[in-house]
Amino acid sequence: MDAAQLRSFCHRQGPPCVIFDNMFEAPIDGAAADALERDVGLEMSRAYGRVLDCEALASRGVVKCWFESAESAMRCAAAL
């Protein structure tokens, strides 16, 4: 499954998700959003378990992180 198909799956199926609000204050460009998605995804994978996808909503300061398991998402949310 490529990145676009995986993101579509996450939007359609709604696997366990943690939303990080106020990650950045000003709108960011596409390259910065991609880098942020990658960095957050890697860090969350290391700390809490497999991440399916991360999406930075560049105009809103929000990053959504979809996890493979509910347990991983709950550990992440509890740590916040």
PDB file of N, CA and C in Angstrom:
ATOM      1  N   MET A   1       0.859  -1.164   0.000  1.00  0.00           N
ATOM      2  CA  MET A   1       0.000   0.000   0.000  1.00  0.00           C
ATOM      3  C   MET A   1       0.912   1.236   0.000  1.00  0.00           C
ATOM      4  N   ASP A   2       0.696   2.139  -0.945  1.00  0.00           N
ATOM      5  CA  ASP A   2       1.511   3.354  -0.973  1.00  0.00           C
ATOM      6  C   ASP A   2       0.966   4.384   0.021  1.00  0.00           C
ATOM      7  N   ALA A   3       1.680   5.498   0.158  1.00  0.00           N
ATOM      8  CA  ALA A   3       1.329   6.506   1.172  1.00  0.00           C
ATOM      9  C   ALA A   3      -0.074   7.082   0.954  1.00  0.00           C
ATOM     10  N   ALA A   4      -0.442   7.353  -0.284  1.00  0.00           N
ATOM     11  CA  ALA A   4      -1.767   7.918  -0.564  1.00  0.00           C
ATOM     12  C   ALA A   4      -2.870   6.915  -0.221  1.00  0.00           C
ATOM     13  N   GLN A   5      -2.661   5.645  -0.541  1.00  0.00           N
ATOM     14  CA  GLN A   5      -3.653   4.619  -0.219  1.00  0.00           C
ATOM     15  C   GLN A   5      -3.771   4.438   1.293  1.00  0.00           C
ATOM     16  N   LEU A   6      -2.641   4.500   1.987  1.00  0.00           N
ATOM     17  CA  LEU A   6      -2.662   4.354   3.439  1.00  0.00           C
ATOM     18  C   LEU A   6      -3.410   5.510   4.098  1.00  0.00           C
ATOM     19  N   ARG A   7      -3.167   6.734   3.626  1.00  0.00           N
ATOM     20  CA  ARG A   7      -3.883   7.885   4.179  1.00  0.00           C
ATOM     21  C   ARG A   7      -5.377   7.764   3.899  1.00  0.00           C
ATOM     22  N   SER A   8      -5.731   7.336   2.703  1.00  0.00           N
ATOM     23  CA  SER A   8      -7.136   7.146   2.354  1.00  0.00           C
ATOM     24  C   SER A   8      -7.769   6.084   3.257  1.00  0.00           C
ATOM     25  N   PHE A   9      -7.047   4.995   3.503  1.00  0.00           N
ATOM     26  CA  PHE A   9      -7.530   3.958   4.411  1.00  0.00           C
ATOM     27  C   PHE A   9      -7.786   4.540   5.797  1.00  0.00           C
ATOM     28  N   CYS A  10      -6.853   5.341   6.308  1.00  0.00           N
ATOM     29  CA  CYS A  10      -6.999   5.918   7.643  1.00  0.00           C
ATOM     30  C   CYS A  10      -8.226   6.830   7.727  1.00  0.00           C
ATOM     31  N   HIS A  11      -8.437   7.631   6.691  1.00  0.00           N
ATOM     32  CA  HIS A  11      -9.606   8.529   6.680  1.00  0.00           C
ATOM     33  C   HIS A  11     -10.908   7.732   6.581  1.00  0.00           C
ATOM     34  N   ARG A  12     -10.874   6.655   5.807  1.00  0.00           N
ATOM     35  CA  ARG A  12     -12.077   5.867   5.560  1.00  0.00           C
ATOM     36  C   ARG A  12     -12.404   4.934   6.730  1.00  0.00           C
ATOM     37  N   GLN A  13     -11.411   4.225   7.255  1.00  0.00           N
ATOM     38  CA  GLN A  13     -11.640   3.193   8.273  1.00  0.00           C
ATOM     39  C   GLN A  13     -11.556   3.709   9.706  1.00  0.00           C
ATOM     40  N   GLY A  14     -10.850   4.811   9.906  1.00  0.00           N
ATOM     41  CA  GLY A  14     -10.762   5.397  11.233  1.00  0.00           C
ATOM     42  C   GLY A  14     -10.067   4.543  12.280  1.00  0.00           C
ATOM     43  N   PRO A  15      -8.824   4.094  12.013  1.00  0.00           N
ATOM     44  CA  PRO A  15      -8.114   3.368  13.061  1.00  0.00           C
ATOM     45  C   PRO A  15      -7.846   4.293  14.252  1.00  0.00           C
ATOM     46  N   PRO A  16      -7.399   3.751  15.383  1.00  0.00           N
ATOM     47  CA  PRO A  16      -7.169   4.575  16.574  1.00  0.00           C
ATOM     48  C   PRO A  16      -6.283   5.774  16.252  1.00  0.00           C
ATOM     49  N   CYS A  17      -6.702   6.946  16.720  1.00  0.00           N
ATOM     50  CA  CYS A  17      -6.043   8.202  16.340  1.00  0.00           C
ATOM     51  C   CYS A  17      -5.832   9.078  17.570  1.00  0.00           C
ATOM     52  N   VAL A  18      -4.685   9.738  17.598  1.00  0.00           N
ATOM     53  CA  VAL A  18      -4.407  10.749  18.613  1.00  0.00           C
ATOM     54  C   VAL A  18      -4.194  12.060  17.873  1.00  0.00           C
ATOM     55  N   ILE A  19      -4.817  13.121  18.364  1.00  0.00           N
ATOM     56  CA  ILE A  19      -4.698  14.432  17.727  1.00  0.00           C
ATOM     57  C   ILE A  19      -3.856  15.334  18.610  1.00  0.00           C
ATOM     58  N   PHE A  20      -2.800  15.856  18.029  1.00  0.00           N
ATOM     59  CA  PHE A  20      -1.923  16.799  18.712  1.00  0.00           C
ATOM     60  C   PHE A  20      -2.310  18.198  18.258  1.00  0.00           C
ATOM     61  N   ASP A  21      -2.806  18.986  19.177  1.00  0.00           N
ATOM     62  CA  ASP A  21      -3.259  20.343  18.862  1.00  0.00           C
ATOM     63  C   ASP A  21      -2.163  21.341  19.227  1.00  0.00           C
ATOM     64  N   ASN A  22      -2.155  22.479  18.561  1.00  0.00           N
ATOM     65  CA  ASN A  22      -1.175  23.545  18.810  1.00  0.00           C
ATOM     66  C   ASN A  22       0.262  23.085  18.616  1.00  0.00           C
ATOM     67  N   MET A  23       0.503  22.277  17.588  1.00  0.00           N
ATOM     68  CA  MET A  23       1.857  21.815  17.290  1.00  0.00           C
ATOM     69  C   MET A  23       2.706  22.927  16.671  1.00  0.00           C
ATOM     70  N   PHE A  24       2.057  23.853  16.005  1.00  0.00           N
ATOM     71  CA  PHE A  24       2.744  24.991  15.413  1.00  0.00           C
ATOM     72  C   PHE A  24       1.756  26.143  15.358  1.00  0.00           C
ATOM     73  N   GLU A  25       2.272  27.363  15.420  1.00  0.00           N
ATOM     74  CA  GLU A  25       1.395  28.527  15.545  1.00  0.00           C
ATOM     75  C   GLU A  25       1.015  29.176  14.225  1.00  0.00           C
ATOM     76  N   ALA A  26       1.888  29.121  13.249  1.00  0.00           N
ATOM     77  CA  ALA A  26       1.625  29.760  11.963  1.00  0.00           C
ATOM     78  C   ALA A  26       1.459  28.682  10.894  1.00  0.00           C
ATOM     79  N   PRO A  27       0.695  28.969   9.845  1.00  0.00           N
ATOM     80  CA  PRO A  27       0.583  28.001   8.753  1.00  0.00           C
ATOM     81  C   PRO A  27       1.966  27.632   8.215  1.00  0.00           C
ATOM     82  N   ILE A  28       2.130  26.364   7.856  1.00  0.00           N
ATOM     83  CA  ILE A  28       3.406  25.901   7.316  1.00  0.00           C
ATOM     84  C   ILE A  28       3.204  25.420   5.891  1.00  0.00           C
ATOM     85  N   ASP A  29       4.305  25.384   5.129  1.00  0.00           N
ATOM     86  CA  ASP A  29       4.207  24.952   3.734  1.00  0.00           C
ATOM     87  C   ASP A  29       4.228  23.425   3.648  1.00  0.00           C
ATOM     88  N   GLY A  30       4.042  22.921   2.452  1.00  0.00           N
ATOM     89  CA  GLY A  30       3.953  21.479   2.245  1.00  0.00           C
ATOM     90  C   GLY A  30       5.182  20.708   2.661  1.00  0.00           C
ATOM     91  N   ALA A  31       6.367  21.237   2.354  1.00  0.00           N
ATOM     92  CA  ALA A  31       7.602  20.540   2.719  1.00  0.00           C
ATOM     93  C   ALA A  31       7.770  20.470   4.234  1.00  0.00           C
ATOM     94  N   ALA A  32       7.451  21.545   4.922  1.00  0.00           N
ATOM     95  CA  ALA A  32       7.543  21.555   6.384  1.00  0.00           C
ATOM     96  C   ALA A  32       6.507  20.612   6.992  1.00  0.00           C
ATOM     97  N   ALA A  33       5.312  20.555   6.412  1.00  0.00           N
ATOM     98  CA  ALA A  33       4.277  19.644   6.899  1.00  0.00           C
ATOM     99  C   ALA A  33       4.713  18.194   6.713  1.00  0.00           C
ATOM    100  N   ASP A  34       5.312  17.882   5.556  1.00  0.00           N
ATOM    101  CA  ASP A  34       5.804  16.526   5.317  1.00  0.00           C
ATOM    102  C   ASP A  34       6.881  16.141   6.322  1.00  0.00           C
ATOM    103  N   ALA A  35       7.806  17.053   6.588  1.00  0.00           N
ATOM    104  CA  ALA A  35       8.869  16.788   7.553  1.00  0.00           C
ATOM    105  C   ALA A  35       8.302  16.585   8.958  1.00  0.00           C
ATOM    106  N   LEU A  36       7.327  17.398   9.325  1.00  0.00           N
ATOM    107  CA  LEU A  36       6.695  17.272  10.638  1.00  0.00           C
ATOM    108  C   LEU A  36       5.963  15.937  10.763  1.00  0.00           C
ATOM    109  N   GLU A  37       5.240  15.548   9.731  1.00  0.00           N
ATOM    110  CA  GLU A  37       4.550  14.260   9.730  1.00  0.00           C
ATOM    111  C   GLU A  37       5.538  13.120   9.934  1.00  0.00           C
ATOM    112  N   ARG A  38       6.647  13.171   9.215  1.00  0.00           N
ATOM    113  CA  ARG A  38       7.660  12.130   9.311  1.00  0.00           C
ATOM    114  C   ARG A  38       8.273  12.080  10.715  1.00  0.00           C
ATOM    115  N   ASP A  39       8.642  13.250  11.241  1.00  0.00           N
ATOM    116  CA  ASP A  39       9.264  13.307  12.563  1.00  0.00           C
ATOM    117  C   ASP A  39       8.326  12.837  13.668  1.00  0.00           C
ATOM    118  N   VAL A  40       7.092  13.307  13.649  1.00  0.00           N
ATOM    119  CA  VAL A  40       6.117  12.903  14.667  1.00  0.00           C
ATOM    120  C   VAL A  40       5.834  11.405  14.552  1.00  0.00           C
ATOM    121  N   GLY A  41       5.664  10.919  13.335  1.00  0.00           N
ATOM    122  CA  GLY A  41       5.405   9.496  13.127  1.00  0.00           C
ATOM    123  C   GLY A  41       6.521   8.616  13.651  1.00  0.00           C
ATOM    124  N   LEU A  42       7.761   8.991  13.370  1.00  0.00           N
ATOM    125  CA  LEU A  42       8.898   8.207  13.852  1.00  0.00           C
ATOM    126  C   LEU A  42       8.989   8.224  15.369  1.00  0.00           C
ATOM    127  N   GLU A  43       8.816   9.388  15.953  1.00  0.00           N
ATOM    128  CA  GLU A  43       8.902   9.503  17.409  1.00  0.00           C
ATOM    129  C   GLU A  43       7.779   8.730  18.103  1.00  0.00           C
ATOM    130  N   MET A  44       6.573   8.810  17.578  1.00  0.00           N
ATOM    131  CA  MET A  44       5.456   8.085  18.178  1.00  0.00           C
ATOM    132  C   MET A  44       5.628   6.579  18.004  1.00  0.00           C
ATOM    133  N   SER A  45       6.187   6.147  16.876  1.00  0.00           N
ATOM    134  CA  SER A  45       6.461   4.723  16.660  1.00  0.00           C
ATOM    135  C   SER A  45       7.469   4.208  17.676  1.00  0.00           C
ATOM    136  N   ARG A  46       8.517   4.981  17.886  1.00  0.00           N
ATOM    137  CA  ARG A  46       9.537   4.572  18.855  1.00  0.00           C
ATOM    138  C   ARG A  46       8.969   4.483  20.261  1.00  0.00           C
ATOM    139  N   ALA A  47       8.134   5.429  20.611  1.00  0.00           N
ATOM    140  CA  ALA A  47       7.658   5.521  21.991  1.00  0.00           C
ATOM    141  C   ALA A  47       6.441   4.641  22.286  1.00  0.00           C
ATOM    142  N   TYR A  48       5.534   4.462  21.316  1.00  0.00           N
ATOM    143  CA  TYR A  48       4.241   3.863  21.648  1.00  0.00           C
ATOM    144  C   TYR A  48       3.811   2.688  20.789  1.00  0.00           C
ATOM    145  N   GLY A  49       4.407   2.469  19.660  1.00  0.00           N
ATOM    146  CA  GLY A  49       3.998   1.365  18.797  1.00  0.00           C
ATOM    147  C   GLY A  49       3.793   1.831  17.368  1.00  0.00           C
ATOM    148  N   ARG A  50       3.483   0.893  16.501  1.00  0.00           N
ATOM    149  CA  ARG A  50       3.413   1.160  15.062  1.00  0.00           C
ATOM    150  C   ARG A  50       2.399   2.249  14.715  1.00  0.00           C
ATOM    151  N   VAL A  51       2.882   3.230  13.970  1.00  0.00           N
ATOM    152  CA  VAL A  51       2.051   4.322  13.455  1.00  0.00           C
ATOM    153  C   VAL A  51       1.740   4.027  11.992  1.00  0.00           C
ATOM    154  N   LEU A  52       0.469   4.080  11.635  1.00  0.00           N
ATOM    155  CA  LEU A  52       0.084   3.862  10.246  1.00  0.00           C
ATOM    156  C   LEU A  52       0.336   5.101   9.397  1.00  0.00           C
ATOM    157  N   ASP A  53      -0.006   6.267   9.935  1.00  0.00           N
ATOM    158  CA  ASP A  53       0.144   7.513   9.175  1.00  0.00           C
ATOM    159  C   ASP A  53       0.074   8.690  10.136  1.00  0.00           C
ATOM    160  N   CYS A  54       0.713   9.781   9.743  1.00  0.00           N
ATOM    161  CA  CYS A  54       0.581  11.060  10.440  1.00  0.00           C
ATOM    162  C   CYS A  54       0.203  12.095   9.400  1.00  0.00           C
ATOM    163  N   GLU A  55      -0.664  13.003   9.777  1.00  0.00           N
ATOM    164  CA  GLU A  55      -1.097  14.057   8.863  1.00  0.00           C
ATOM    165  C   GLU A  55      -1.055  15.392   9.584  1.00  0.00           C
ATOM    166  N   ALA A  56      -0.257  16.310   9.051  1.00  0.00           N
ATOM    167  CA  ALA A  56      -0.198  17.674   9.583  1.00  0.00           C
ATOM    168  C   ALA A  56      -1.198  18.516   8.811  1.00  0.00           C
ATOM    169  N   LEU A  57      -2.138  19.111   9.520  1.00  0.00           N
ATOM    170  CA  LEU A  57      -3.097  20.025   8.892  1.00  0.00           C
ATOM    171  C   LEU A  57      -2.467  21.403   8.947  1.00  0.00           C
ATOM    172  N   ALA A  58      -1.815  21.759   7.860  1.00  0.00           N
ATOM    173  CA  ALA A  58      -0.894  22.893   7.820  1.00  0.00           C
ATOM    174  C   ALA A  58      -1.514  24.223   8.226  1.00  0.00           C
ATOM    175  N   SER A  59      -2.775  24.410   7.997  1.00  0.00           N
ATOM    176  CA  SER A  59      -3.393  25.702   8.307  1.00  0.00           C
ATOM    177  C   SER A  59      -3.977  25.753   9.722  1.00  0.00           C
ATOM    178  N   ARG A  60      -3.955  24.623  10.453  1.00  0.00           N
ATOM    179  CA  ARG A  60      -4.655  24.589  11.741  1.00  0.00           C
ATOM    180  C   ARG A  60      -3.766  24.284  12.945  1.00  0.00           C
ATOM    181  N   GLY A  61      -2.512  23.954  12.735  1.00  0.00           N
ATOM    182  CA  GLY A  61      -1.634  23.640  13.854  1.00  0.00           C
ATOM    183  C   GLY A  61      -1.892  22.289  14.479  1.00  0.00           C
ATOM    184  N   VAL A  62      -2.519  21.390  13.730  1.00  0.00           N
ATOM    185  CA  VAL A  62      -2.927  20.084  14.243  1.00  0.00           C
ATOM    186  C   VAL A  62      -2.161  18.987  13.509  1.00  0.00           C
ATOM    187  N   VAL A  63      -1.761  17.958  14.262  1.00  0.00           N
ATOM    188  CA  VAL A  63      -1.194  16.746  13.670  1.00  0.00           C
ATOM    189  C   VAL A  63      -2.027  15.571  14.153  1.00  0.00           C
ATOM    190  N   LYS A  64      -2.510  14.768  13.194  1.00  0.00           N
ATOM    191  CA  LYS A  64      -3.245  13.541  13.517  1.00  0.00           C
ATOM    192  C   LYS A  64      -2.286  12.374  13.340  1.00  0.00           C
ATOM    193  N   CYS A  65      -2.308  11.464  14.277  1.00  0.00           N
ATOM    194  CA  CYS A  65      -1.426  10.305  14.244  1.00  0.00           C
ATOM    195  C   CYS A  65      -2.281   9.049  14.406  1.00  0.00           C
ATOM    196  N   TRP A  66      -2.335   8.215  13.361  1.00  0.00           N
ATOM    197  CA  TRP A  66      -3.123   6.993  13.389  1.00  0.00           C
ATOM    198  C   TRP A  66      -2.232   5.817  13.781  1.00  0.00           C
ATOM    199  N   PHE A  67      -2.661   5.074  14.765  1.00  0.00           N
ATOM    200  CA  PHE A  67      -1.913   3.935  15.269  1.00  0.00           C
ATOM    201  C   PHE A  67      -2.527   2.634  14.792  1.00  0.00           C
ATOM    202  N   GLU A  68      -1.696   1.593  14.750  1.00  0.00           N
ATOM    203  CA  GLU A  68      -2.182   0.274  14.350  1.00  0.00           C
ATOM    204  C   GLU A  68      -3.081  -0.329  15.429  1.00  0.00           C
ATOM    205  N   SER A  69      -2.743  -0.075  16.696  1.00  0.00           N
ATOM    206  CA  SER A  69      -3.540  -0.682  17.775  1.00  0.00           C
ATOM    207  C   SER A  69      -4.106   0.375  18.712  1.00  0.00           C
ATOM    208  N   ALA A  70      -5.219   0.035  19.296  1.00  0.00           N
ATOM    209  CA  ALA A  70      -5.847   0.934  20.270  1.00  0.00           C
ATOM    210  C   ALA A  70      -4.970   1.094  21.504  1.00  0.00           C
ATOM    211  N   GLU A  71      -4.255   0.032  21.883  1.00  0.00           N
ATOM    212  CA  GLU A  71      -3.382   0.101  23.055  1.00  0.00           C
ATOM    213  C   GLU A  71      -2.282   1.143  22.863  1.00  0.00           C
ATOM    214  N   SER A  72      -1.697   1.172  21.679  1.00  0.00           N
ATOM    215  CA  SER A  72      -0.654   2.158  21.384  1.00  0.00           C
ATOM    216  C   SER A  72      -1.205   3.575  21.455  1.00  0.00           C
ATOM    217  N   ALA A  73      -2.378   3.772  20.862  1.00  0.00           N
ATOM    218  CA  ALA A  73      -3.010   5.097  20.877  1.00  0.00           C
ATOM    219  C   ALA A  73      -3.346   5.521  22.317  1.00  0.00           C
ATOM    220  N   MET A  74      -3.826   4.577  23.131  1.00  0.00           N
ATOM    221  CA  MET A  74      -4.174   4.917  24.516  1.00  0.00           C
ATOM    222  C   MET A  74      -2.928   5.254  25.333  1.00  0.00           C
ATOM    223  N   ARG A  75      -1.824   4.522  25.121  1.00  0.00           N
ATOM    224  CA  ARG A  75      -0.576   4.851  25.827  1.00  0.00           C
ATOM    225  C   ARG A  75      -0.094   6.240  25.441  1.00  0.00           C
ATOM    226  N   CYS A  76      -0.182   6.579  24.165  1.00  0.00           N
ATOM    227  CA  CYS A  76       0.226   7.888  23.688  1.00  0.00           C
ATOM    228  C   CYS A  76      -0.650   8.971  24.291  1.00  0.00           C
ATOM    229  N   ALA A  77      -1.952   8.794  24.239  1.00  0.00           N
ATOM    230  CA  ALA A  77      -2.878   9.802  24.764  1.00  0.00           C
ATOM    231  C   ALA A  77      -2.703   9.974  26.269  1.00  0.00           C
ATOM    232  N   ALA A  78      -2.468   8.882  26.975  1.00  0.00           N
ATOM    233  CA  ALA A  78      -2.281   8.966  28.429  1.00  0.00           C
ATOM    234  C   ALA A  78      -1.013   9.727  28.780  1.00  0.00           C
ATOM    235  N   ALA A  79      -0.003   9.646  27.944  1.00  0.00           N
ATOM    236  CA  ALA A  79       1.255  10.330  28.197  1.00  0.00           C
ATOM    237  C   ALA A  79       1.156  11.831  27.957  1.00  0.00           C
ATOM    238  N   LEU A  80       0.150  12.236  27.198  1.00  0.00           N
ATOM    239  CA  LEU A  80      -0.024  13.653  26.925  1.00  0.00           C
ATOM    240  C   LEU A  80      -0.582  14.312  28.164  1.00  0.00           C
TER     241      LEU A  80
END
